[in-house]
Amino acid sequence: MSIAISVIIPSYKRTQLLVRCLKALLQQRFEKDRYEIIVVSDGPDDDTKRIFNGFAGYEYPALRYLPLPAKKGPAAARNYGWLNAKGSVIAFTDDDCVPDLHWLDQVYQHLKEQEYAAITGKVIVPVNERPTDFEKNTAGLQLADFITANCACTKAALFKTGGFDEDFSMAWREDSDLEFKLIANNIPVTRVGTAIVTHPLRHATWGVSIREQKKTMFNALLYKKYPRLYRQKIQSAPPVLYYCIITAVVMMLTGALLSNTPIVLAGAAMWLGLTLFFIYKRLQTTSLAPAHVAEMVVTSVVIPFASIYWQWYGAVKYRVLFI
């Protein structure tokens, strides 16, 4: 029988996560000769290739390993995967996800008789009652409209939209860009709550929230392409709190240059009050463990400046007025 569904998984040097994902995909309650699993390595990666070869010997489903010659990001990896796929339905998930046993069956049931269509499934992120800030942000995936952890498109729809924009070279906003392309091309995106993927939490290194701010530059690219949809679905207004915090610091510096103590004190009071408010917001529903509280205090001082820096960096790079 011919391949009906191709599963595309971008991966790069995350072998333990990939093994867990592959094991879940190999156990799908779907005809084994009707789907293929394509792992695309985002650049040369001997460990991923070795792990993948360890699954050799399965007759069905078909397993294919496609390495990119250089690291280009998950968008490029997914494009390389679906362009080489045999199925008329393309399902996307990530190497840190665990698809439900009936995931592919549910995907196929909703797309098998359609030419131009897409679905977005349900993502489950198991979190504690008081998660860390990183865990809380990861749990936000459960509310996302369309994410590559769990989505699928007909191959015809991907050809019509052009697939993923490879200018999104990090794992950020490339899925929203595809969603907006589908909307712009009048291709329906259906939410399918029975197509389930679990996204287990991973350990995050200290200060990860600061490093994550670099991704903000891709907000500018998405805004440039789809300003109305960006404001409607991603961010309705600029990050006013961040700008106010930065303004307070500018007041302090200006006052110091002018030797004007009242301006320095006013700026300092404004900065302290707004920063404490930011810290409170981040800790309101997250872990109160001493180490986590200390991390939130330190990173909350840095994040407004890092975020706006990368946002303006993106605005300059992509030549768009984005504040």
Foldseek 3Di string as FASTA:
>chain_A
DFAAEEEEEEDEPPLVLQVQQVVLVVLAPDPFCHYEYEYEYQADHVVNVVSQCVPPPDPGDHYYYHYDNHHQAPQVRVVVRLVPDRHQKYKFAYSQKRWHNHQVVLQCVVPVPDNWAKEFEAEAEDADQAAFLVSVVVRCVRVAPWARNTMMTGSNNCVVLVGFDSVLRYRPCRRVLSVVSCVVVVHYYYYDHVNYMYRYDDDDDQLVLLVVLLSLLVLLVSCVVPVVVCCVRPNVDPPVLLVQLVVLVVQLVVCVVVVNVVSNVVSVVSNVVSLVVQLCVSNVRHDPPPVSSVSSSVSSNVRSVSNVVSNVVSCVVNVHPDD
